[in-house]
Amino acid sequence: MKFLLKSLICSLGLLSLNLNSQQFDPIITINSQNINQTEKAVFDELKNSISDFLINNSFSQNVYSSKQKIKLSLVVTIKKYNDYNFVADFDFQSFRPVFNSEYQTSNFRYKDNNVSFRFEPNEPMTLMNNRFSGDLVSLLSFYSFIIIGYDMDTFVENSGNDYYKSAKNILDRALSFSSSSNWNPQSNGGRINKYWLIDSLLSSNYSILKKINYEYHIKGIDQLISNKDQGLSNILNIIKYFKEMERYRPNSILSQIFFQSKNLEIFNILNTNKIEKIDEVISDLNNVAPFFSNQWNNLN
């Protein structure tokens, strides 16, 4: 049982290669449309190496069956390339199964822009414990831990903290040894970046947002099949919780990730059910997630 498995929280030790306990079922897409296509071979090798790294490495001591592996989409858009040096956008999206259904809900959606790294074909990608392993390996490992933590947190409240701590260890090493500015707190405008993402996930100031995310899944979307009215009521209450949060934690990175991941799902749930005081709900959504106002305003 996936829920029972993920309630077993293990402390993380040395990362090891274990084909029987891999955590991801990834689909990797490399978009190189803006780059000279004579370089296609190196982009194909990049795709295969990223896929192999995520499939073959174990980021947890928990054992995942094939059905329990986290479905992960990663789109890498190459923006610059020269002599094995890359600048690219990494768009991560992970999914989490909904109880009593075949539906997979988007759980973590985050785009890391203008990531600089070096990749040479046939060079092994290996993450070493307590050692900086290069920008690409560090980036993939950083988000792997965060995605597993996010997944765990939706089944058992605060169960992802050990994974967030492992991600922070990677970031700390990168801050010390990487020549890239992508790891700095000032990157990407100084607010929405890796540094502040992991800072928020480990800060007690934002624990309420993690609790809201947990309740959205366990008390909201997981209940829609067995108890639709209660699940829908809980989702509407969660929207109100976000409205309260905006008063003293406005525009937080965790709130943005939630609605980046859930906006279409929330729209479809609300648009296919009769919602009392829908104008009030639309107003609340426009307040907490204004980037999706065009979508919210089409609710009826």
C-alpha atoms as a PDB file:
ATOM      1  CA  MET A   1       0.000   0.000   0.000  1.00  0.00           C
ATOM      2  CA  LYS A   2       1.465   3.310  -1.081  1.00  0.00           C
ATOM      3  CA  PHE A   3       0.130   5.240   1.887  1.00  0.00           C
ATOM      4  CA  LEU A   4       1.473   2.748   4.415  1.00  0.00           C
ATOM      5  CA  LEU A   5       4.825   2.595   2.683  1.00  0.00           C
ATOM      6  CA  LYS A   6       5.249   6.351   2.671  1.00  0.00           C
ATOM      7  CA  SER A   7       4.379   6.650   6.322  1.00  0.00           C
ATOM      8  CA  LEU A   8       7.605   4.811   7.142  1.00  0.00           C
ATOM      9  CA  ILE A   9      10.055   7.662   7.518  1.00  0.00           C
ATOM     10  CA  CYS A  10      13.707   6.752   7.300  1.00  0.00           C
ATOM     11  CA  SER A  11      16.711   8.948   7.948  1.00  0.00           C
ATOM     12  CA  LEU A  12      18.800   9.504   4.833  1.00  0.00           C
ATOM     13  CA  GLY A  13      22.340   8.257   4.627  1.00  0.00           C
ATOM     14  CA  LEU A  14      24.817   7.849   1.806  1.00  0.00           C
ATOM     15  CA  LEU A  15      23.238   7.859  -1.625  1.00  0.00           C
ATOM     16  CA  SER A  16      23.701   4.487  -3.261  1.00  0.00           C
ATOM     17  CA  LEU A  17      22.871   2.864  -6.555  1.00  0.00           C
ATOM     18  CA  ASN A  18      20.037   0.398  -6.016  1.00  0.00           C
ATOM     19  CA  LEU A  19      17.990  -0.625  -9.021  1.00  0.00           C
ATOM     20  CA  ASN A  20      15.354  -2.251  -6.813  1.00  0.00           C
ATOM     21  CA  SER A  21      14.600   0.871  -4.813  1.00  0.00           C
ATOM     22  CA  GLN A  22      14.633   3.621  -7.413  1.00  0.00           C
ATOM     23  CA  GLN A  23      12.003   6.260  -6.816  1.00  0.00           C
ATOM     24  CA  PHE A  24      11.241   7.789 -10.221  1.00  0.00           C
ATOM     25  CA  ASP A  25       9.457   6.909 -13.421  1.00  0.00           C
ATOM     26  CA  PRO A  26      10.725   9.840 -15.499  1.00  0.00           C
ATOM     27  CA  ILE A  27       9.987  11.200 -18.957  1.00  0.00           C
ATOM     28  CA  ILE A  28      12.771  13.501 -20.145  1.00  0.00           C
ATOM     29  CA  THR A  29      12.330  15.962 -23.002  1.00  0.00           C
ATOM     30  CA  ILE A  30      15.167  18.021 -24.449  1.00  0.00           C
ATOM     31  CA  ASN A  31      14.057  21.064 -26.415  1.00  0.00           C
ATOM     32  CA  SER A  32      16.954  22.266 -28.563  1.00  0.00           C
ATOM     33  CA  GLN A  33      14.996  24.073 -31.290  1.00  0.00           C
ATOM     34  CA  ASN A  34      16.944  27.288 -30.830  1.00  0.00           C
ATOM     35  CA  ILE A  35      20.336  25.608 -31.084  1.00  0.00           C
ATOM     36  CA  ASN A  36      22.317  24.483 -34.127  1.00  0.00           C
ATOM     37  CA  GLN A  37      20.956  21.046 -34.924  1.00  0.00           C
ATOM     38  CA  THR A  38      24.378  19.740 -35.930  1.00  0.00           C
ATOM     39  CA  GLU A  39      24.840  19.315 -32.175  1.00  0.00           C
ATOM     40  CA  LYS A  40      21.925  16.869 -31.899  1.00  0.00           C
ATOM     41  CA  ALA A  41      24.105  13.968 -30.735  1.00  0.00           C
ATOM     42  CA  VAL A  42      25.198  15.724 -27.546  1.00  0.00           C
ATOM     43  CA  PHE A  43      21.590  16.625 -26.737  1.00  0.00           C
ATOM     44  CA  ASP A  44      20.516  13.020 -27.181  1.00  0.00           C
ATOM     45  CA  GLU A  45      23.311  11.957 -24.870  1.00  0.00           C
ATOM     46  CA  LEU A  46      22.218  14.565 -22.329  1.00  0.00           C
ATOM     47  CA  LYS A  47      18.671  13.195 -22.382  1.00  0.00           C
ATOM     48  CA  ASN A  48      19.852   9.617 -21.899  1.00  0.00           C
ATOM     49  CA  SER A  49      22.264  10.542 -19.117  1.00  0.00           C
ATOM     50  CA  ILE A  50      19.635  12.505 -17.167  1.00  0.00           C
ATOM     51  CA  SER A  51      17.154   9.655 -17.544  1.00  0.00           C
ATOM     52  CA  ASP A  52      19.693   7.052 -16.435  1.00  0.00           C
ATOM     53  CA  PHE A  53      20.711   9.168 -13.445  1.00  0.00           C
ATOM     54  CA  LEU A  54      17.132   9.563 -12.203  1.00  0.00           C
ATOM     55  CA  ILE A  55      16.178   5.953 -12.874  1.00  0.00           C
ATOM     56  CA  ASN A  56      19.230   4.192 -11.515  1.00  0.00           C
ATOM     57  CA  ASN A  57      20.054   6.178  -8.395  1.00  0.00           C
ATOM     58  CA  SER A  58      18.229   5.720  -5.117  1.00  0.00           C
ATOM     59  CA  PHE A  59      17.385   8.892  -3.212  1.00  0.00           C
ATOM     60  CA  SER A  60      15.645   7.141  -0.326  1.00  0.00           C
ATOM     61  CA  GLN A  61      16.001   4.095   1.886  1.00  0.00           C
ATOM     62  CA  ASN A  62      12.337   3.306   1.249  1.00  0.00           C
ATOM     63  CA  VAL A  63      11.677   0.650  -1.352  1.00  0.00           C
ATOM     64  CA  TYR A  64       9.268   1.649  -4.131  1.00  0.00           C
ATOM     65  CA  SER A  65       7.453  -0.879  -6.279  1.00  0.00           C
ATOM     66  CA  SER A  66       6.922  -0.075  -9.952  1.00  0.00           C
ATOM     67  CA  LYS A  67       3.420   1.242  -9.161  1.00  0.00           C
ATOM     68  CA  GLN A  68       4.714   3.419  -6.322  1.00  0.00           C
ATOM     69  CA  LYS A  69       7.411   5.199  -8.291  1.00  0.00           C
ATOM     70  CA  ILE A  70       6.862   8.915  -8.689  1.00  0.00           C
ATOM     71  CA  LYS A  71       5.917   9.913 -12.220  1.00  0.00           C
ATOM     72  CA  LEU A  72       8.145  12.789 -13.229  1.00  0.00           C
ATOM     73  CA  SER A  73       8.187  14.991 -16.301  1.00  0.00           C
ATOM     74  CA  LEU A  74      11.312  17.047 -16.935  1.00  0.00           C
ATOM     75  CA  VAL A  75      11.535  19.404 -19.906  1.00  0.00           C
ATOM     76  CA  VAL A  76      14.991  20.874 -20.511  1.00  0.00           C
ATOM     77  CA  THR A  77      14.987  23.820 -22.917  1.00  0.00           C
ATOM     78  CA  ILE A  78      18.473  24.562 -24.208  1.00  0.00           C
ATOM     79  CA  LYS A  79      19.020  28.304 -24.598  1.00  0.00           C
ATOM     80  CA  LYS A  80      22.783  28.435 -25.162  1.00  0.00           C
ATOM     81  CA  TYR A  81      25.385  25.843 -26.003  1.00  0.00           C
ATOM     82  CA  ASN A  82      29.096  26.038 -26.706  1.00  0.00           C
ATOM     83  CA  ASP A  83      31.719  23.330 -26.343  1.00  0.00           C
ATOM     84  CA  TYR A  84      29.797  21.271 -23.734  1.00  0.00           C
ATOM     85  CA  ASN A  85      28.766  24.346 -21.745  1.00  0.00           C
ATOM     86  CA  PHE A  86      25.005  24.806 -21.477  1.00  0.00           C
ATOM     87  CA  VAL A  87      22.457  27.355 -20.346  1.00  0.00           C
ATOM     88  CA  ALA A  88      18.990  25.842 -20.046  1.00  0.00           C
ATOM     89  CA  ASP A  89      15.591  26.063 -18.372  1.00  0.00           C
ATOM     90  CA  PHE A  90      14.550  23.022 -16.312  1.00  0.00           C
ATOM     91  CA  ASP A  91      10.788  22.495 -15.957  1.00  0.00           C
ATOM     92  CA  PHE A  92      10.030  19.845 -13.313  1.00  0.00           C
ATOM     93  CA  GLN A  93       6.564  18.369 -12.788  1.00  0.00           C
ATOM     94  CA  SER A  94       5.835  15.422 -10.519  1.00  0.00           C
ATOM     95  CA  PHE A  95       2.573  13.574 -10.016  1.00  0.00           C
ATOM     96  CA  ARG A  96       0.888  11.818  -7.128  1.00  0.00           C
ATOM     97  CA  PRO A  97      -1.893   9.171  -7.352  1.00  0.00           C
ATOM     98  CA  VAL A  98      -5.362   9.977  -5.999  1.00  0.00           C
ATOM     99  CA  PHE A  99      -7.003   7.377  -3.740  1.00  0.00           C
ATOM    100  CA  ASN A 100      -9.555   5.060  -5.293  1.00  0.00           C
ATOM    101  CA  SER A 101      -8.852   6.250  -8.840  1.00  0.00           C
ATOM    102  CA  GLU A 102      -6.394   6.029 -11.715  1.00  0.00           C
ATOM    103  CA  TYR A 103      -6.008   9.808 -11.700  1.00  0.00           C
ATOM    104  CA  GLN A 104      -2.607  11.375 -11.063  1.00  0.00           C
ATOM    105  CA  THR A 105      -2.604  14.875  -9.587  1.00  0.00           C
ATOM    106  CA  SER A 106       0.180  17.324 -10.367  1.00  0.00           C
ATOM    107  CA  ASN A 107       2.024  17.714  -7.072  1.00  0.00           C
ATOM    108  CA  PHE A 108       5.170  19.764  -7.737  1.00  0.00           C
ATOM    109  CA  ARG A 109       5.578  22.099 -10.719  1.00  0.00           C
ATOM    110  CA  TYR A 110       8.588  24.351 -10.812  1.00  0.00           C
ATOM    111  CA  LYS A 111      10.686  25.915 -13.553  1.00  0.00           C
ATOM    112  CA  ASP A 112      14.308  26.760 -12.853  1.00  0.00           C
ATOM    113  CA  ASN A 113      15.453  29.271 -15.475  1.00  0.00           C
ATOM    114  CA  ASN A 114      18.869  30.001 -16.967  1.00  0.00           C
ATOM    115  CA  VAL A 115      20.700  27.128 -15.315  1.00  0.00           C
ATOM    116  CA  SER A 116      24.342  26.966 -16.376  1.00  0.00           C
ATOM    117  CA  PHE A 117      26.178  23.655 -16.343  1.00  0.00           C
ATOM    118  CA  ARG A 118      28.789  21.602 -18.162  1.00  0.00           C
ATOM    119  CA  PHE A 119      28.033  18.186 -19.610  1.00  0.00           C
ATOM    120  CA  GLU A 120      30.418  15.968 -21.556  1.00  0.00           C
ATOM    121  CA  PRO A 121      29.171  12.754 -23.215  1.00  0.00           C
ATOM    122  CA  ASN A 122      30.486   9.511 -21.732  1.00  0.00           C
ATOM    123  CA  GLU A 123      31.457  11.281 -18.521  1.00  0.00           C
ATOM    124  CA  PRO A 124      29.782   9.482 -15.593  1.00  0.00           C
ATOM    125  CA  MET A 125      27.208  11.386 -13.561  1.00  0.00           C
ATOM    126  CA  THR A 126      27.767  10.404  -9.947  1.00  0.00           C
ATOM    127  CA  LEU A 127      26.615  12.077  -6.756  1.00  0.00           C
ATOM    128  CA  MET A 128      29.163  11.716  -3.975  1.00  0.00           C
ATOM    129  CA  ASN A 129      28.125  12.145  -0.361  1.00  0.00           C
ATOM    130  CA  ASN A 130      29.465  15.363   1.238  1.00  0.00           C
ATOM    131  CA  ARG A 131      31.155  16.405  -2.000  1.00  0.00           C
ATOM    132  CA  PHE A 132      30.186  18.822  -4.777  1.00  0.00           C
ATOM    133  CA  SER A 133      29.463  16.731  -7.865  1.00  0.00           C
ATOM    134  CA  GLY A 134      29.039  19.419 -10.499  1.00  0.00           C
ATOM    135  CA  ASP A 135      26.102  21.677 -11.304  1.00  0.00           C
ATOM    136  CA  LEU A 136      24.025  19.218 -13.343  1.00  0.00           C
ATOM    137  CA  VAL A 137      24.261  16.299 -10.912  1.00  0.00           C
ATOM    138  CA  SER A 138      23.664  18.651  -7.984  1.00  0.00           C
ATOM    139  CA  LEU A 139      20.630  20.214  -9.658  1.00  0.00           C
ATOM    140  CA  LEU A 140      19.018  16.858 -10.473  1.00  0.00           C
ATOM    141  CA  SER A 141      19.700  15.523  -6.981  1.00  0.00           C
ATOM    142  CA  PHE A 142      18.473  18.714  -5.313  1.00  0.00           C
ATOM    143  CA  TYR A 143      15.096  18.523  -7.042  1.00  0.00           C
ATOM    144  CA  SER A 144      14.876  14.749  -6.639  1.00  0.00           C
ATOM    145  CA  PHE A 145      15.009  15.149  -2.864  1.00  0.00           C
ATOM    146  CA  ILE A 146      12.499  17.988  -2.921  1.00  0.00           C
ATOM    147  CA  ILE A 147      10.074  16.052  -5.135  1.00  0.00           C
ATOM    148  CA  ILE A 148      10.252  12.988  -2.869  1.00  0.00           C
ATOM    149  CA  GLY A 149       9.729  15.256   0.144  1.00  0.00           C
ATOM    150  CA  TYR A 150       6.707  16.861  -1.505  1.00  0.00           C
ATOM    151  CA  ASP A 151       5.312  13.426  -2.308  1.00  0.00           C
ATOM    152  CA  MET A 152       5.816  12.177   1.251  1.00  0.00           C
ATOM    153  CA  ASP A 153       4.243  15.321   2.717  1.00  0.00           C
ATOM    154  CA  THR A 154       0.964  14.647   0.908  1.00  0.00           C
ATOM    155  CA  PHE A 155       0.558  11.273   2.657  1.00  0.00           C
ATOM    156  CA  VAL A 156       1.949  11.963   6.129  1.00  0.00           C
ATOM    157  CA  GLU A 157       2.206  15.500   7.452  1.00  0.00           C
ATOM    158  CA  ASN A 158       5.799  16.818   7.719  1.00  0.00           C
ATOM    159  CA  SER A 159       7.250  13.491   6.607  1.00  0.00           C
ATOM    160  CA  GLY A 160       9.381  15.100   3.900  1.00  0.00           C
ATOM    161  CA  ASN A 161      11.686  17.107   6.173  1.00  0.00           C
ATOM    162  CA  ASP A 162      14.643  14.699   5.981  1.00  0.00           C
ATOM    163  CA  TYR A 163      14.541  14.957   2.196  1.00  0.00           C
ATOM    164  CA  TYR A 164      14.474  18.753   2.332  1.00  0.00           C
ATOM    165  CA  LYS A 165      17.504  18.667   4.623  1.00  0.00           C
ATOM    166  CA  SER A 166      19.342  16.497   2.097  1.00  0.00           C
ATOM    167  CA  ALA A 167      18.455  19.024  -0.630  1.00  0.00           C
ATOM    168  CA  LYS A 168      19.795  21.837   1.560  1.00  0.00           C
ATOM    169  CA  ASN A 169      23.082  19.972   2.028  1.00  0.00           C
ATOM    170  CA  ILE A 170      23.448  19.870  -1.754  1.00  0.00           C
ATOM    171  CA  LEU A 171      22.682  23.577  -2.046  1.00  0.00           C
ATOM    172  CA  ASP A 172      25.188  24.437   0.710  1.00  0.00           C
ATOM    173  CA  ARG A 173      27.954  22.525  -1.087  1.00  0.00           C
ATOM    174  CA  ALA A 174      27.066  24.189  -4.388  1.00  0.00           C
ATOM    175  CA  LEU A 175      27.201  27.628  -2.768  1.00  0.00           C
ATOM    176  CA  SER A 176      30.730  26.829  -1.601  1.00  0.00           C
ATOM    177  CA  PHE A 177      32.139  25.135  -4.700  1.00  0.00           C
ATOM    178  CA  SER A 178      30.088  26.010  -7.785  1.00  0.00           C
ATOM    179  CA  SER A 179      31.128  28.912  -9.993  1.00  0.00           C
ATOM    180  CA  SER A 180      27.506  29.342 -11.093  1.00  0.00           C
ATOM    181  CA  SER A 181      25.357  32.098  -9.611  1.00  0.00           C
ATOM    182  CA  ASN A 182      22.231  29.907  -9.964  1.00  0.00           C
ATOM    183  CA  TRP A 183      22.562  28.677  -6.381  1.00  0.00           C
ATOM    184  CA  ASN A 184      22.748  32.128  -4.800  1.00  0.00           C
ATOM    185  CA  PRO A 185      19.848  33.771  -2.927  1.00  0.00           C
ATOM    186  CA  GLN A 186      20.046  36.675  -5.412  1.00  0.00           C
ATOM    187  CA  SER A 187      19.440  34.546  -8.518  1.00  0.00           C
ATOM    188  CA  ASN A 188      16.286  34.934 -10.602  1.00  0.00           C
ATOM    189  CA  GLY A 189      15.418  38.275  -9.068  1.00  0.00           C
ATOM    190  CA  GLY A 190      16.267  37.233  -5.513  1.00  0.00           C
ATOM    191  CA  ARG A 191      12.952  35.666  -4.511  1.00  0.00           C
ATOM    192  CA  ILE A 192      11.832  32.662  -6.588  1.00  0.00           C
ATOM    193  CA  ASN A 193      14.867  30.393  -6.683  1.00  0.00           C
ATOM    194  CA  LYS A 194      16.390  27.243  -5.190  1.00  0.00           C
ATOM    195  CA  TYR A 195      17.788  29.030  -2.160  1.00  0.00           C
ATOM    196  CA  TRP A 196      14.453  30.464  -1.027  1.00  0.00           C
ATOM    197  CA  LEU A 197      12.567  27.317  -2.002  1.00  0.00           C
ATOM    198  CA  ILE A 198      14.510  25.141   0.419  1.00  0.00           C
ATOM    199  CA  ASP A 199      14.604  27.917   3.009  1.00  0.00           C
ATOM    200  CA  SER A 200      10.785  28.059   2.949  1.00  0.00           C
ATOM    201  CA  LEU A 201      10.381  24.281   3.102  1.00  0.00           C
ATOM    202  CA  LEU A 202      12.532  24.090   6.234  1.00  0.00           C
ATOM    203  CA  SER A 203      11.219  27.245   7.947  1.00  0.00           C
ATOM    204  CA  SER A 204       8.557  26.993  10.635  1.00  0.00           C
ATOM    205  CA  ASN A 205       7.170  30.271   9.234  1.00  0.00           C
ATOM    206  CA  TYR A 206       5.786  28.341   6.276  1.00  0.00           C
ATOM    207  CA  SER A 207       4.740  25.119   8.001  1.00  0.00           C
ATOM    208  CA  ILE A 208       1.092  26.146   7.619  1.00  0.00           C
ATOM    209  CA  LEU A 209       1.487  26.086   3.827  1.00  0.00           C
ATOM    210  CA  LYS A 210       2.801  22.535   3.960  1.00  0.00           C
ATOM    211  CA  LYS A 211      -0.150  21.624   6.186  1.00  0.00           C
ATOM    212  CA  ILE A 212      -2.551  23.167   3.659  1.00  0.00           C
ATOM    213  CA  ASN A 213      -0.946  21.146   0.863  1.00  0.00           C
ATOM    214  CA  TYR A 214      -1.285  17.971   2.945  1.00  0.00           C
ATOM    215  CA  GLU A 215      -4.950  18.652   3.700  1.00  0.00           C
ATOM    216  CA  TYR A 216      -5.731  19.456   0.071  1.00  0.00           C
ATOM    217  CA  HIS A 217      -4.686  15.915  -0.817  1.00  0.00           C
ATOM    218  CA  ILE A 218      -5.814  13.835   2.165  1.00  0.00           C
ATOM    219  CA  LYS A 219      -9.016  15.718   3.037  1.00  0.00           C
ATOM    220  CA  GLY A 220      -9.755  17.167  -0.380  1.00  0.00           C
ATOM    221  CA  ILE A 221      -8.937  15.432  -3.608  1.00  0.00           C
ATOM    222  CA  ASP A 222      -8.503  11.977  -2.033  1.00  0.00           C
ATOM    223  CA  GLN A 223     -12.083  12.220  -0.739  1.00  0.00           C
ATOM    224  CA  LEU A 224     -13.761  13.176  -4.017  1.00  0.00           C
ATOM    225  CA  ILE A 225     -14.456   9.585  -5.053  1.00  0.00           C
ATOM    226  CA  SER A 226     -15.682   8.165  -1.728  1.00  0.00           C
ATOM    227  CA  ASN A 227     -17.265  11.330  -0.279  1.00  0.00           C
ATOM    228  CA  LYS A 228     -17.588  13.963  -2.994  1.00  0.00           C
ATOM    229  CA  ASP A 229     -19.482  16.592  -0.980  1.00  0.00           C
ATOM    230  CA  GLN A 230     -17.038  16.469   1.930  1.00  0.00           C
ATOM    231  CA  GLY A 231     -14.008  16.519  -0.354  1.00  0.00           C
ATOM    232  CA  LEU A 232     -15.356  19.500  -2.273  1.00  0.00           C
ATOM    233  CA  SER A 233     -16.198  21.345   0.950  1.00  0.00           C
ATOM    234  CA  ASN A 234     -12.669  20.792   2.219  1.00  0.00           C
ATOM    235  CA  ILE A 235     -11.145  22.105  -1.026  1.00  0.00           C
ATOM    236  CA  LEU A 236     -13.231  25.278  -0.715  1.00  0.00           C
ATOM    237  CA  ASN A 237     -12.032  25.696   2.878  1.00  0.00           C
ATOM    238  CA  ILE A 238      -8.428  25.292   1.720  1.00  0.00           C
ATOM    239  CA  ILE A 239      -8.894  28.166  -0.723  1.00  0.00           C
ATOM    240  CA  LYS A 240     -10.012  30.286   2.243  1.00  0.00           C
ATOM    241  CA  TYR A 241      -6.912  29.199   4.194  1.00  0.00           C
ATOM    242  CA  PHE A 242      -4.759  30.563   1.375  1.00  0.00           C
ATOM    243  CA  LYS A 243      -6.652  33.853   1.573  1.00  0.00           C
ATOM    244  CA  GLU A 244      -5.798  34.098   5.284  1.00  0.00           C
ATOM    245  CA  MET A 245      -2.158  33.207   4.572  1.00  0.00           C
ATOM    246  CA  GLU A 246      -1.824  36.005   2.037  1.00  0.00           C
ATOM    247  CA  ARG A 247      -2.275  38.533   4.839  1.00  0.00           C
ATOM    248  CA  TYR A 248       1.070  37.749   6.460  1.00  0.00           C
ATOM    249  CA  ARG A 249       2.895  35.505   3.929  1.00  0.00           C
ATOM    250  CA  PRO A 250       2.048  37.215   0.618  1.00  0.00           C
ATOM    251  CA  ASN A 251       3.304  35.789  -2.672  1.00  0.00           C
ATOM    252  CA  SER A 252       5.267  32.996  -1.005  1.00  0.00           C
ATOM    253  CA  ILE A 253       7.150  30.611  -3.251  1.00  0.00           C
ATOM    254  CA  LEU A 254       5.266  27.632  -1.775  1.00  0.00           C
ATOM    255  CA  SER A 255       1.911  29.226  -2.541  1.00  0.00           C
ATOM    256  CA  GLN A 256       3.038  29.915  -6.097  1.00  0.00           C
ATOM    257  CA  ILE A 257       4.178  26.319  -6.568  1.00  0.00           C
ATOM    258  CA  PHE A 258       0.846  25.035  -5.232  1.00  0.00           C
ATOM    259  CA  PHE A 259      -1.213  27.013  -7.734  1.00  0.00           C
ATOM    260  CA  GLN A 260       1.251  26.422 -10.552  1.00  0.00           C
ATOM    261  CA  SER A 261       0.685  22.722  -9.928  1.00  0.00           C
ATOM    262  CA  LYS A 262      -3.036  22.790  -9.142  1.00  0.00           C
ATOM    263  CA  ASN A 263      -4.637  25.676 -11.042  1.00  0.00           C
ATOM    264  CA  LEU A 264      -6.137  23.633 -13.884  1.00  0.00           C
ATOM    265  CA  GLU A 265      -7.240  20.879 -11.514  1.00  0.00           C
ATOM    266  CA  ILE A 266      -8.975  23.329  -9.167  1.00  0.00           C
ATOM    267  CA  PHE A 267     -10.657  25.021 -12.117  1.00  0.00           C
ATOM    268  CA  ASN A 268     -11.984  21.704 -13.439  1.00  0.00           C
ATOM    269  CA  ILE A 269     -13.237  20.598 -10.010  1.00  0.00           C
ATOM    270  CA  LEU A 270     -15.076  23.863  -9.421  1.00  0.00           C
ATOM    271  CA  ASN A 271     -16.364  24.153 -12.978  1.00  0.00           C
ATOM    272  CA  THR A 272     -17.929  20.687 -12.995  1.00  0.00           C
ATOM    273  CA  ASN A 273     -19.713  21.036  -9.656  1.00  0.00           C
ATOM    274  CA  LYS A 274     -22.411  23.332  -8.356  1.00  0.00           C
ATOM    275  CA  ILE A 275     -20.655  25.777  -6.029  1.00  0.00           C
ATOM    276  CA  GLU A 276     -22.585  28.064  -3.733  1.00  0.00           C
ATOM    277  CA  LYS A 277     -21.328  31.660  -3.604  1.00  0.00           C
ATOM    278  CA  ILE A 278     -19.104  31.041  -6.629  1.00  0.00           C
ATOM    279  CA  ASP A 279     -18.455  34.790  -6.979  1.00  0.00           C
ATOM    280  CA  GLU A 280     -16.894  34.796  -3.520  1.00  0.00           C
ATOM    281  CA  VAL A 281     -14.726  31.793  -4.423  1.00  0.00           C
ATOM    282  CA  ILE A 282     -13.599  33.500  -7.641  1.00  0.00           C
ATOM    283  CA  SER A 283     -12.687  36.617  -5.658  1.00  0.00           C
ATOM    284  CA  ASP A 284     -10.639  34.566  -3.210  1.00  0.00           C
ATOM    285  CA  LEU A 285      -8.807  32.769  -6.025  1.00  0.00           C
ATOM    286  CA  ASN A 286      -8.033  36.042  -7.787  1.00  0.00           C
ATOM    287  CA  ASN A 287      -6.618  37.297  -4.506  1.00  0.00           C
ATOM    288  CA  VAL A 288      -4.341  34.327  -3.791  1.00  0.00           C
ATOM    289  CA  ALA A 289      -3.427  33.313  -7.358  1.00  0.00           C
ATOM    290  CA  PRO A 290      -3.790  36.387  -9.581  1.00  0.00           C
ATOM    291  CA  PHE A 291      -1.597  34.938 -12.355  1.00  0.00           C
ATOM    292  CA  PHE A 292      -4.509  32.651 -13.212  1.00  0.00           C
ATOM    293  CA  SER A 293      -7.230  35.310 -13.103  1.00  0.00           C
ATOM    294  CA  ASN A 294      -8.277  34.718 -16.709  1.00  0.00           C
ATOM    295  CA  GLN A 295      -8.953  31.121 -15.754  1.00  0.00           C
ATOM    296  CA  TRP A 296     -10.777  31.862 -12.491  1.00  0.00           C
ATOM    297  CA  ASN A 297     -12.996  34.452 -14.160  1.00  0.00           C
ATOM    298  CA  ASN A 298     -14.295  31.777 -16.535  1.00  0.00           C
ATOM    299  CA  LEU A 299     -15.772  29.780 -13.674  1.00  0.00           C
ATOM    300  CA  ASN A 300     -19.549  29.669 -13.692  1.00  0.00           C
END
